[in-house]
Amino acid sequence: MYYFIFIALITVHSVHAGFEFIILHNNDMNSRLEESYEENKYVGGIERVSYVVKEARKEAAAKKTPPVIYLNAGDVYTDVVWRHPFSRKVAIELLNNLMPDAA
């Protein structure tokens, strides 16, 4: 699957020289779906990811920016074995709501 995406992107670039797009990518969230407070500021969280993805897609749809590809490389709900038994289902539902182009 990853080879197909890579080959497709190379093909698009070679056929349409000058074609631009934005890649939004994340991985290794490890069930840390809520923001945390670190070094006097809030960081992370699925809400921040959702906001960035939705805003980027909105701007691309309005032709203000190049098209957006959102990729999630996995490890959304794995980290330690004692995580809540339902965190997997919650993480999958939240990720599906973000509608990644590839996950």
PDB file of N, CA and C in Angstrom:
ATOM      1  N   MET A   1       0.823  -1.191   0.000  1.00  0.00           N
ATOM      2  CA  MET A   1       0.000   0.000   0.000  1.00  0.00           C
ATOM      3  C   MET A   1       0.868   1.256   0.000  1.00  0.00           C
ATOM      4  N   TYR A   2       1.895   1.281   0.859  1.00  0.00           N
ATOM      5  CA  TYR A   2       2.755   2.458   0.927  1.00  0.00           C
ATOM      6  C   TYR A   2       3.508   2.666  -0.379  1.00  0.00           C
ATOM      7  N   TYR A   3       3.903   1.565  -1.021  1.00  0.00           N
ATOM      8  CA  TYR A   3       4.605   1.690  -2.295  1.00  0.00           C
ATOM      9  C   TYR A   3       3.693   2.309  -3.339  1.00  0.00           C
ATOM     10  N   PHE A   4       2.415   1.921  -3.328  1.00  0.00           N
ATOM     11  CA  PHE A   4       1.468   2.474  -4.285  1.00  0.00           C
ATOM     12  C   PHE A   4       1.347   3.984  -4.111  1.00  0.00           C
ATOM     13  N   ILE A   5       1.206   4.434  -2.859  1.00  0.00           N
ATOM     14  CA  ILE A   5       1.082   5.872  -2.602  1.00  0.00           C
ATOM     15  C   ILE A   5       2.332   6.600  -3.072  1.00  0.00           C
ATOM     16  N   PHE A   6       3.498   6.058  -2.751  1.00  0.00           N
ATOM     17  CA  PHE A   6       4.758   6.676  -3.151  1.00  0.00           C
ATOM     18  C   PHE A   6       4.854   6.768  -4.669  1.00  0.00           C
ATOM     19  N   ILE A   7       4.529   5.671  -5.346  1.00  0.00           N
ATOM     20  CA  ILE A   7       4.588   5.652  -6.815  1.00  0.00           C
ATOM     21  C   ILE A   7       3.577   6.635  -7.397  1.00  0.00           C
ATOM     22  N   ALA A   8       2.384   6.686  -6.812  1.00  0.00           N
ATOM     23  CA  ALA A   8       1.363   7.609  -7.304  1.00  0.00           C
ATOM     24  C   ALA A   8       1.825   9.052  -7.156  1.00  0.00           C
ATOM     25  N   LEU A   9       2.447   9.379  -6.037  1.00  0.00           N
ATOM     26  CA  LEU A   9       2.918  10.746  -5.831  1.00  0.00           C
ATOM     27  C   LEU A   9       4.034  11.103  -6.796  1.00  0.00           C
ATOM     28  N   ILE A  10       4.927  10.163  -7.063  1.00  0.00           N
ATOM     29  CA  ILE A  10       5.998  10.403  -8.037  1.00  0.00           C
ATOM     30  C   ILE A  10       5.400  10.625  -9.420  1.00  0.00           C
ATOM     31  N   THR A  11       4.404   9.816  -9.768  1.00  0.00           N
ATOM     32  CA  THR A  11       3.762   9.939 -11.080  1.00  0.00           C
ATOM     33  C   THR A  11       3.091  11.297 -11.224  1.00  0.00           C
ATOM     34  N   VAL A  12       2.354  11.715 -10.208  1.00  0.00           N
ATOM     35  CA  VAL A  12       1.688  13.019 -10.255  1.00  0.00           C
ATOM     36  C   VAL A  12       2.714  14.121 -10.433  1.00  0.00           C
ATOM     37  N   HIS A  13       3.812  14.042  -9.709  1.00  0.00           N
ATOM     38  CA  HIS A  13       4.834  15.079  -9.807  1.00  0.00           C
ATOM     39  C   HIS A  13       5.457  15.111 -11.198  1.00  0.00           C
ATOM     40  N   SER A  14       5.747  13.950 -11.769  1.00  0.00           N
ATOM     41  CA  SER A  14       6.418  13.939 -13.064  1.00  0.00           C
ATOM     42  C   SER A  14       5.484  14.341 -14.198  1.00  0.00           C
ATOM     43  N   VAL A  15       4.205  13.999 -14.087  1.00  0.00           N
ATOM     44  CA  VAL A  15       3.256  14.339 -15.149  1.00  0.00           C
ATOM     45  C   VAL A  15       2.861  15.807 -15.079  1.00  0.00           C
ATOM     46  N   HIS A  16       2.683  16.309 -13.877  1.00  0.00           N
ATOM     47  CA  HIS A  16       2.237  17.683 -13.687  1.00  0.00           C
ATOM     48  C   HIS A  16       3.321  18.477 -12.958  1.00  0.00           C
ATOM     49  N   ALA A  17       4.361  18.780 -13.643  1.00  0.00           N
ATOM     50  CA  ALA A  17       5.454  19.537 -13.023  1.00  0.00           C
ATOM     51  C   ALA A  17       4.900  20.843 -12.466  1.00  0.00           C
ATOM     52  N   GLY A  18       5.291  21.158 -11.272  1.00  0.00           N
ATOM     53  CA  GLY A  18       4.805  22.365 -10.635  1.00  0.00           C
ATOM     54  C   GLY A  18       3.557  22.159  -9.799  1.00  0.00           C
ATOM     55  N   PHE A  19       3.010  20.965  -9.795  1.00  0.00           N
ATOM     56  CA  PHE A  19       1.839  20.666  -8.974  1.00  0.00           C
ATOM     57  C   PHE A  19       2.245  20.680  -7.506  1.00  0.00           C
ATOM     58  N   GLU A  20       1.521  21.410  -6.695  1.00  0.00           N
ATOM     59  CA  GLU A  20       1.839  21.505  -5.276  1.00  0.00           C
ATOM     60  C   GLU A  20       0.699  20.943  -4.447  1.00  0.00           C
ATOM     61  N   PHE A  21       1.039  20.384  -3.308  1.00  0.00           N
ATOM     62  CA  PHE A  21       0.041  19.951  -2.344  1.00  0.00           C
ATOM     63  C   PHE A  21       0.660  19.989  -0.955  1.00  0.00           C
ATOM     64  N   ILE A  22      -0.196  19.987   0.042  1.00  0.00           N
ATOM     65  CA  ILE A  22       0.240  20.025   1.436  1.00  0.00           C
ATOM     66  C   ILE A  22       0.040  18.643   2.033  1.00  0.00           C
ATOM     67  N   ILE A  23       1.068  18.141   2.712  1.00  0.00           N
ATOM     68  CA  ILE A  23       0.955  16.868   3.416  1.00  0.00           C
ATOM     69  C   ILE A  23       0.878  17.156   4.910  1.00  0.00           C
ATOM     70  N   LEU A  24      -0.204  16.715   5.523  1.00  0.00           N
ATOM     71  CA  LEU A  24      -0.333  16.753   6.980  1.00  0.00           C
ATOM     72  C   LEU A  24      -0.147  15.320   7.453  1.00  0.00           C
ATOM     73  N   HIS A  25       0.748  15.116   8.390  1.00  0.00           N
ATOM     74  CA  HIS A  25       1.103  13.760   8.816  1.00  0.00           C
ATOM     75  C   HIS A  25       1.230  13.700  10.330  1.00  0.00           C
ATOM     76  N   ASN A  26       0.727  12.619  10.902  1.00  0.00           N
ATOM     77  CA  ASN A  26       0.994  12.373  12.319  1.00  0.00           C
ATOM     78  C   ASN A  26       1.032  10.873  12.573  1.00  0.00           C
ATOM     79  N   ASN A  27       1.627  10.520  13.700  1.00  0.00           N
ATOM     80  CA  ASN A  27       1.661   9.132  14.147  1.00  0.00           C
ATOM     81  C   ASN A  27       2.114   9.099  15.603  1.00  0.00           C
ATOM     82  N   ASP A  28       2.108   7.912  16.159  1.00  0.00           N
ATOM     83  CA  ASP A  28       2.552   7.692  17.543  1.00  0.00           C
ATOM     84  C   ASP A  28       1.817   8.568  18.554  1.00  0.00           C
ATOM     85  N   MET A  29       0.497   8.632  18.431  1.00  0.00           N
ATOM     86  CA  MET A  29      -0.280   9.378  19.423  1.00  0.00           C
ATOM     87  C   MET A  29      -0.429   8.569  20.710  1.00  0.00           C
ATOM     88  N   ASN A  30      -0.320   7.258  20.600  1.00  0.00           N
ATOM     89  CA  ASN A  30      -0.279   6.357  21.760  1.00  0.00           C
ATOM     90  C   ASN A  30      -1.377   6.612  22.789  1.00  0.00           C
ATOM     91  N   SER A  31      -2.598   6.715  22.328  1.00  0.00           N
ATOM     92  CA  SER A  31      -3.778   6.926  23.181  1.00  0.00           C
ATOM     93  C   SER A  31      -3.749   8.247  23.936  1.00  0.00           C
ATOM     94  N   ARG A  32      -2.872   9.128  23.580  1.00  0.00           N
ATOM     95  CA  ARG A  32      -2.841  10.457  24.214  1.00  0.00           C
ATOM     96  C   ARG A  32      -3.741  11.387  23.395  1.00  0.00           C
ATOM     97  N   LEU A  33      -5.026  11.179  23.568  1.00  0.00           N
ATOM     98  CA  LEU A  33      -5.993  11.883  22.740  1.00  0.00           C
ATOM     99  C   LEU A  33      -6.374  13.247  23.307  1.00  0.00           C
ATOM    100  N   GLU A  34      -6.059  13.480  24.561  1.00  0.00           N
ATOM    101  CA  GLU A  34      -6.356  14.768  25.177  1.00  0.00           C
ATOM    102  C   GLU A  34      -5.097  15.627  25.214  1.00  0.00           C
ATOM    103  N   GLU A  35      -5.310  16.932  25.188  1.00  0.00           N
ATOM    104  CA  GLU A  35      -4.159  17.826  25.265  1.00  0.00           C
ATOM    105  C   GLU A  35      -3.484  17.702  26.625  1.00  0.00           C
ATOM    106  N   SER A  36      -2.233  18.087  26.678  1.00  0.00           N
ATOM    107  CA  SER A  36      -1.511  18.085  27.953  1.00  0.00           C
ATOM    108  C   SER A  36      -0.851  19.450  28.138  1.00  0.00           C
ATOM    109  N   TYR A  37      -0.505  19.731  29.352  1.00  0.00           N
ATOM    110  CA  TYR A  37       0.095  21.017  29.695  1.00  0.00           C
ATOM    111  C   TYR A  37       1.575  20.791  29.955  1.00  0.00           C
ATOM    112  N   GLU A  38       2.405  21.326  29.085  1.00  0.00           N
ATOM    113  CA  GLU A  38       3.849  21.138  29.197  1.00  0.00           C
ATOM    114  C   GLU A  38       4.551  22.470  28.974  1.00  0.00           C
ATOM    115  N   GLU A  39       5.495  22.762  29.823  1.00  0.00           N
ATOM    116  CA  GLU A  39       6.311  23.972  29.694  1.00  0.00           C
ATOM    117  C   GLU A  39       5.458  25.230  29.505  1.00  0.00           C
ATOM    118  N   ASN A  40       4.462  25.367  30.362  1.00  0.00           N
ATOM    119  CA  ASN A  40       3.588  26.542  30.400  1.00  0.00           C
ATOM    120  C   ASN A  40       2.724  26.735  29.158  1.00  0.00           C
ATOM    121  N   LYS A  41       2.413  25.650  28.465  1.00  0.00           N
ATOM    122  CA  LYS A  41       1.489  25.756  27.334  1.00  0.00           C
ATOM    123  C   LYS A  41       0.808  24.411  27.100  1.00  0.00           C
ATOM    124  N   TYR A  42      -0.364  24.474  26.475  1.00  0.00           N
ATOM    125  CA  TYR A  42      -1.083  23.262  26.132  1.00  0.00           C
ATOM    126  C   TYR A  42      -0.553  22.734  24.804  1.00  0.00           C
ATOM    127  N   VAL A  43      -0.376  21.433  24.719  1.00  0.00           N
ATOM    128  CA  VAL A  43       0.120  20.811  23.489  1.00  0.00           C
ATOM    129  C   VAL A  43      -0.674  19.540  23.214  1.00  0.00           C
ATOM    130  N   GLY A  44      -0.658  19.149  21.942  1.00  0.00           N
ATOM    131  CA  GLY A  44      -1.222  17.868  21.545  1.00  0.00           C
ATOM    132  C   GLY A  44      -2.726  17.781  21.646  1.00  0.00           C
ATOM    133  N   GLY A  45      -3.206  16.573  21.515  1.00  0.00           N
ATOM    134  CA  GLY A  45      -4.629  16.298  21.606  1.00  0.00           C
ATOM    135  C   GLY A  45      -5.276  16.170  20.244  1.00  0.00           C
ATOM    136  N   ILE A  46      -6.272  15.310  20.184  1.00  0.00           N
ATOM    137  CA  ILE A  46      -6.966  15.042  18.925  1.00  0.00           C
ATOM    138  C   ILE A  46      -7.746  16.275  18.456  1.00  0.00           C
ATOM    139  N   GLU A  47      -8.190  17.111  19.394  1.00  0.00           N
ATOM    140  CA  GLU A  47      -8.915  18.324  18.996  1.00  0.00           C
ATOM    141  C   GLU A  47      -8.027  19.269  18.197  1.00  0.00           C
ATOM    142  N   ARG A  48      -6.782  19.387  18.584  1.00  0.00           N
ATOM    143  CA  ARG A  48      -5.855  20.256  17.840  1.00  0.00           C
ATOM    144  C   ARG A  48      -5.590  19.686  16.447  1.00  0.00           C
ATOM    145  N   VAL A  49      -5.422  18.381  16.386  1.00  0.00           N
ATOM    146  CA  VAL A  49      -5.216  17.736  15.082  1.00  0.00           C
ATOM    147  C   VAL A  49      -6.433  17.982  14.202  1.00  0.00           C
ATOM    148  N   SER A  50      -7.613  17.761  14.759  1.00  0.00           N
ATOM    149  CA  SER A  50      -8.850  17.962  14.008  1.00  0.00           C
ATOM    150  C   SER A  50      -8.965  19.389  13.488  1.00  0.00           C
ATOM    151  N   TYR A  51      -8.656  20.355  14.324  1.00  0.00           N
ATOM    152  CA  TYR A  51      -8.740  21.760  13.919  1.00  0.00           C
ATOM    153  C   TYR A  51      -7.799  22.052  12.750  1.00  0.00           C
ATOM    154  N   VAL A  52      -6.558  21.608  12.861  1.00  0.00           N
ATOM    155  CA  VAL A  52      -5.570  21.872  11.805  1.00  0.00           C
ATOM    156  C   VAL A  52      -5.994  21.215  10.496  1.00  0.00           C
ATOM    157  N   VAL A  53      -6.429  19.960  10.563  1.00  0.00           N
ATOM    158  CA  VAL A  53      -6.831  19.244   9.347  1.00  0.00           C
ATOM    159  C   VAL A  53      -8.041  19.920   8.704  1.00  0.00           C
ATOM    160  N   LYS A  54      -9.059  20.224   9.502  1.00  0.00           N
ATOM    161  CA  LYS A  54     -10.272  20.848   8.953  1.00  0.00           C
ATOM    162  C   LYS A  54      -9.996  22.228   8.367  1.00  0.00           C
ATOM    163  N   GLU A  55      -9.197  23.033   9.051  1.00  0.00           N
ATOM    164  CA  GLU A  55      -8.873  24.363   8.537  1.00  0.00           C
ATOM    165  C   GLU A  55      -8.063  24.279   7.243  1.00  0.00           C
ATOM    166  N   ALA A  56      -7.117  23.362   7.192  1.00  0.00           N
ATOM    167  CA  ALA A  56      -6.306  23.206   5.978  1.00  0.00           C
ATOM    168  C   ALA A  56      -7.174  22.764   4.807  1.00  0.00           C
ATOM    169  N   ARG A  57      -8.080  21.838   5.056  1.00  0.00           N
ATOM    170  CA  ARG A  57      -8.980  21.378   3.985  1.00  0.00           C
ATOM    171  C   ARG A  57      -9.931  22.485   3.545  1.00  0.00           C
ATOM    172  N   LYS A  58     -10.399  23.278   4.500  1.00  0.00           N
ATOM    173  CA  LYS A  58     -11.297  24.389   4.173  1.00  0.00           C
ATOM    174  C   LYS A  58     -10.586  25.409   3.281  1.00  0.00           C
ATOM    175  N   GLU A  59      -9.352  25.740   3.620  1.00  0.00           N
ATOM    176  CA  GLU A  59      -8.590  26.692   2.815  1.00  0.00           C
ATOM    177  C   GLU A  59      -8.276  26.125   1.435  1.00  0.00           C
ATOM    178  N   ALA A  60      -7.998  24.837   1.370  1.00  0.00           N
ATOM    179  CA  ALA A  60      -7.734  24.206   0.071  1.00  0.00           C
ATOM    180  C   ALA A  60      -8.996  24.190  -0.784  1.00  0.00           C
ATOM    181  N   ALA A  61     -10.137  23.926  -0.169  1.00  0.00           N
ATOM    182  CA  ALA A  61     -11.400  23.917  -0.911  1.00  0.00           C
ATOM    183  C   ALA A  61     -11.738  25.306  -1.446  1.00  0.00           C
ATOM    184  N   ALA A  62     -11.329  26.331  -0.715  1.00  0.00           N
ATOM    185  CA  ALA A  62     -11.562  27.711  -1.156  1.00  0.00           C
ATOM    186  C   ALA A  62     -10.471  28.198  -2.106  1.00  0.00           C
ATOM    187  N   LYS A  63      -9.572  27.297  -2.482  1.00  0.00           N
ATOM    188  CA  LYS A  63      -8.470  27.598  -3.413  1.00  0.00           C
ATOM    189  C   LYS A  63      -7.488  28.626  -2.857  1.00  0.00           C
ATOM    190  N   LYS A  64      -7.426  28.751  -1.532  1.00  0.00           N
ATOM    191  CA  LYS A  64      -6.462  29.662  -0.910  1.00  0.00           C
ATOM    192  C   LYS A  64      -5.096  29.005  -0.758  1.00  0.00           C
ATOM    193  N   THR A  65      -5.096  27.679  -0.686  1.00  0.00           N
ATOM    194  CA  THR A  65      -3.857  26.911  -0.537  1.00  0.00           C
ATOM    195  C   THR A  65      -3.910  25.705  -1.469  1.00  0.00           C
ATOM    196  N   PRO A  66      -2.779  25.041  -1.672  1.00  0.00           N
ATOM    197  CA  PRO A  66      -2.784  23.816  -2.479  1.00  0.00           C
ATOM    198  C   PRO A  66      -3.631  22.723  -1.817  1.00  0.00           C
ATOM    199  N   PRO A  67      -3.975  21.675  -2.566  1.00  0.00           N
ATOM    200  CA  PRO A  67      -4.740  20.556  -2.002  1.00  0.00           C
ATOM    201  C   PRO A  67      -4.021  19.939  -0.801  1.00  0.00           C
ATOM    202  N   VAL A  68      -4.796  19.301   0.069  1.00  0.00           N
ATOM    203  CA  VAL A  68      -4.265  18.731   1.307  1.00  0.00           C
ATOM    204  C   VAL A  68      -4.402  17.217   1.294  1.00  0.00           C
ATOM    205  N   ILE A  69      -3.339  16.554   1.699  1.00  0.00           N
ATOM    206  CA  ILE A  69      -3.357  15.111   1.920  1.00  0.00           C
ATOM    207  C   ILE A  69      -3.057  14.903   3.397  1.00  0.00           C
ATOM    208  N   TYR A  70      -3.973  14.225   4.106  1.00  0.00           N
ATOM    209  CA  TYR A  70      -3.765  13.952   5.529  1.00  0.00           C
ATOM    210  C   TYR A  70      -3.443  12.475   5.708  1.00  0.00           C
ATOM    211  N   LEU A  71      -2.295  12.198   6.293  1.00  0.00           N
ATOM    212  CA  LEU A  71      -1.825  10.831   6.507  1.00  0.00           C
ATOM    213  C   LEU A  71      -1.656  10.566   7.994  1.00  0.00           C
ATOM    214  N   ASN A  72      -2.046   9.373   8.414  1.00  0.00           N
ATOM    215  CA  ASN A  72      -1.791   8.946   9.785  1.00  0.00           C
ATOM    216  C   ASN A  72      -1.078   7.611   9.707  1.00  0.00           C
ATOM    217  N   ALA A  73       0.124   7.562  10.247  1.00  0.00           N
ATOM    218  CA  ALA A  73       0.957   6.363  10.124  1.00  0.00           C
ATOM    219  C   ALA A  73       0.718   5.350  11.236  1.00  0.00           C
ATOM    220  N   GLY A  74      -0.298   5.550  12.042  1.00  0.00           N
ATOM    221  CA  GLY A  74      -0.662   4.541  13.019  1.00  0.00           C
ATOM    222  C   GLY A  74      -0.172   4.808  14.418  1.00  0.00           C
ATOM    223  N   ASP A  75      -0.244   3.747  15.215  1.00  0.00           N
ATOM    224  CA  ASP A  75       0.119   3.803  16.633  1.00  0.00           C
ATOM    225  C   ASP A  75      -0.752   4.822  17.361  1.00  0.00           C
ATOM    226  N   VAL A  76      -2.031   4.834  17.006  1.00  0.00           N
ATOM    227  CA  VAL A  76      -2.956   5.796  17.599  1.00  0.00           C
ATOM    228  C   VAL A  76      -3.339   5.380  19.013  1.00  0.00           C
ATOM    229  N   TYR A  77      -3.514   4.094  19.244  1.00  0.00           N
ATOM    230  CA  TYR A  77      -4.015   3.653  20.544  1.00  0.00           C
ATOM    231  C   TYR A  77      -3.096   2.672  21.264  1.00  0.00           C
ATOM    232  N   THR A  78      -1.902   2.455  20.796  1.00  0.00           N
ATOM    233  CA  THR A  78      -1.007   1.530  21.489  1.00  0.00           C
ATOM    234  C   THR A  78       0.069   2.298  22.241  1.00  0.00           C
ATOM    235  N   ASP A  79       0.429   1.775  23.345  1.00  0.00           N
ATOM    236  CA  ASP A  79       1.531   2.333  24.129  1.00  0.00           C
ATOM    237  C   ASP A  79       1.809   1.393  25.286  1.00  0.00           C
ATOM    238  N   VAL A  80       0.893   1.334  26.213  1.00  0.00           N
ATOM    239  CA  VAL A  80       1.079   0.461  27.364  1.00  0.00           C
ATOM    240  C   VAL A  80      -0.132  -0.447  27.512  1.00  0.00           C
ATOM    241  N   VAL A  81       0.068  -1.619  28.080  1.00  0.00           N
ATOM    242  CA  VAL A  81      -1.000  -2.620  28.137  1.00  0.00           C
ATOM    243  C   VAL A  81      -2.112  -2.261  29.106  1.00  0.00           C
ATOM    244  N   TRP A  82      -1.888  -1.389  30.052  1.00  0.00           N
ATOM    245  CA  TRP A  82      -2.930  -1.102  31.028  1.00  0.00           C
ATOM    246  C   TRP A  82      -3.822   0.075  30.629  1.00  0.00           C
ATOM    247  N   ARG A  83      -3.766   0.508  29.394  1.00  0.00           N
ATOM    248  CA  ARG A  83      -4.700   1.542  28.930  1.00  0.00           C
ATOM    249  C   ARG A  83      -6.125   1.021  29.084  1.00  0.00           C
ATOM    250  N   HIS A  84      -7.063   1.914  29.148  1.00  0.00           N
ATOM    251  CA  HIS A  84      -8.469   1.550  29.288  1.00  0.00           C
ATOM    252  C   HIS A  84      -8.863   0.615  28.149  1.00  0.00           C
ATOM    253  N   PRO A  85      -9.601  -0.468  28.445  1.00  0.00           N
ATOM    254  CA  PRO A  85      -9.919  -1.449  27.397  1.00  0.00           C
ATOM    255  C   PRO A  85     -10.727  -0.883  26.231  1.00  0.00           C
ATOM    256  N   PHE A  86     -11.423   0.239  26.418  1.00  0.00           N
ATOM    257  CA  PHE A  86     -12.221   0.802  25.335  1.00  0.00           C
ATOM    258  C   PHE A  86     -11.498   1.915  24.582  1.00  0.00           C
ATOM    259  N   SER A  87     -10.276   2.237  24.987  1.00  0.00           N
ATOM    260  CA  SER A  87      -9.567   3.342  24.334  1.00  0.00           C
ATOM    261  C   SER A  87      -9.329   3.067  22.856  1.00  0.00           C
ATOM    262  N   ARG A  88      -9.181   1.796  22.492  1.00  0.00           N
ATOM    263  CA  ARG A  88      -8.984   1.440  21.084  1.00  0.00           C
ATOM    264  C   ARG A  88     -10.181   1.878  20.248  1.00  0.00           C
ATOM    265  N   LYS A  89     -11.385   1.560  20.714  1.00  0.00           N
ATOM    266  CA  LYS A  89     -12.595   1.919  19.964  1.00  0.00           C
ATOM    267  C   LYS A  89     -12.745   3.438  19.856  1.00  0.00           C
ATOM    268  N   VAL A  90     -12.476   4.124  20.945  1.00  0.00           N
ATOM    269  CA  VAL A  90     -12.574   5.587  20.942  1.00  0.00           C
ATOM    270  C   VAL A  90     -11.558   6.180  19.978  1.00  0.00           C
ATOM    271  N   ALA A  91     -10.325   5.703  20.036  1.00  0.00           N
ATOM    272  CA  ALA A  91      -9.269   6.221  19.158  1.00  0.00           C
ATOM    273  C   ALA A  91      -9.604   5.980  17.695  1.00  0.00           C
ATOM    274  N   ILE A  92     -10.120   4.800  17.378  1.00  0.00           N
ATOM    275  CA  ILE A  92     -10.476   4.485  15.991  1.00  0.00           C
ATOM    276  C   ILE A  92     -11.597   5.396  15.510  1.00  0.00           C
ATOM    277  N   GLU A  93     -12.603   5.602  16.349  1.00  0.00           N
ATOM    278  CA  GLU A  93     -13.711   6.473  15.956  1.00  0.00           C
ATOM    279  C   GLU A  93     -13.241   7.911  15.734  1.00  0.00           C
ATOM    280  N   LEU A  94     -12.397   8.401  16.626  1.00  0.00           N
ATOM    281  CA  LEU A  94     -11.888   9.765  16.473  1.00  0.00           C
ATOM    282  C   LEU A  94     -11.031   9.904  15.216  1.00  0.00           C
ATOM    283  N   LEU A  95     -10.188   8.912  14.953  1.00  0.00           N
ATOM    284  CA  LEU A  95      -9.358   8.954  13.748  1.00  0.00           C
ATOM    285  C   LEU A  95     -10.224   8.894  12.496  1.00  0.00           C
ATOM    286  N   ASN A  96     -11.246   8.041  12.495  1.00  0.00           N
ATOM    287  CA  ASN A  96     -12.141   7.961  11.342  1.00  0.00           C
ATOM    288  C   ASN A  96     -12.860   9.279  11.096  1.00  0.00           C
ATOM    289  N   ASN A  97     -13.182  10.010  12.162  1.00  0.00           N
ATOM    290  CA  ASN A  97     -13.825  11.320  12.002  1.00  0.00           C
ATOM    291  C   ASN A  97     -12.908  12.333  11.326  1.00  0.00           C
ATOM    292  N   LEU A  98     -11.603  12.135  11.454  1.00  0.00           N
ATOM    293  CA  LEU A  98     -10.643  13.021  10.788  1.00  0.00           C
ATOM    294  C   LEU A  98     -10.512  12.705   9.299  1.00  0.00           C
ATOM    295  N   MET A  99     -11.006  11.563   8.883  1.00  0.00           N
ATOM    296  CA  MET A  99     -10.990  11.110   7.489  1.00  0.00           C
ATOM    297  C   MET A  99      -9.608  11.214   6.846  1.00  0.00           C
ATOM    298  N   PRO A 100      -8.634  10.469   7.369  1.00  0.00           N
ATOM    299  CA  PRO A 100      -7.307  10.505   6.732  1.00  0.00           C
ATOM    300  C   PRO A 100      -7.377   9.952   5.315  1.00  0.00           C
ATOM    301  N   ASP A 101      -6.547  10.478   4.445  1.00  0.00           N
ATOM    302  CA  ASP A 101      -6.479   9.972   3.078  1.00  0.00           C
ATOM    303  C   ASP A 101      -5.789   8.620   3.038  1.00  0.00           C
ATOM    304  N   ALA A 102      -4.959   8.355   4.014  1.00  0.00           N
ATOM    305  CA  ALA A 102      -4.325   7.042   4.181  1.00  0.00           C
ATOM    306  C   ALA A 102      -3.957   6.891   5.645  1.00  0.00           C
ATOM    307  N   ALA A 103      -4.182   5.694   6.157  1.00  0.00           N
ATOM    308  CA  ALA A 103      -3.843   5.426   7.564  1.00  0.00           C
ATOM    309  C   ALA A 103      -3.254   4.038   7.672  1.00  0.00           C
TER     310      ALA A 103
END
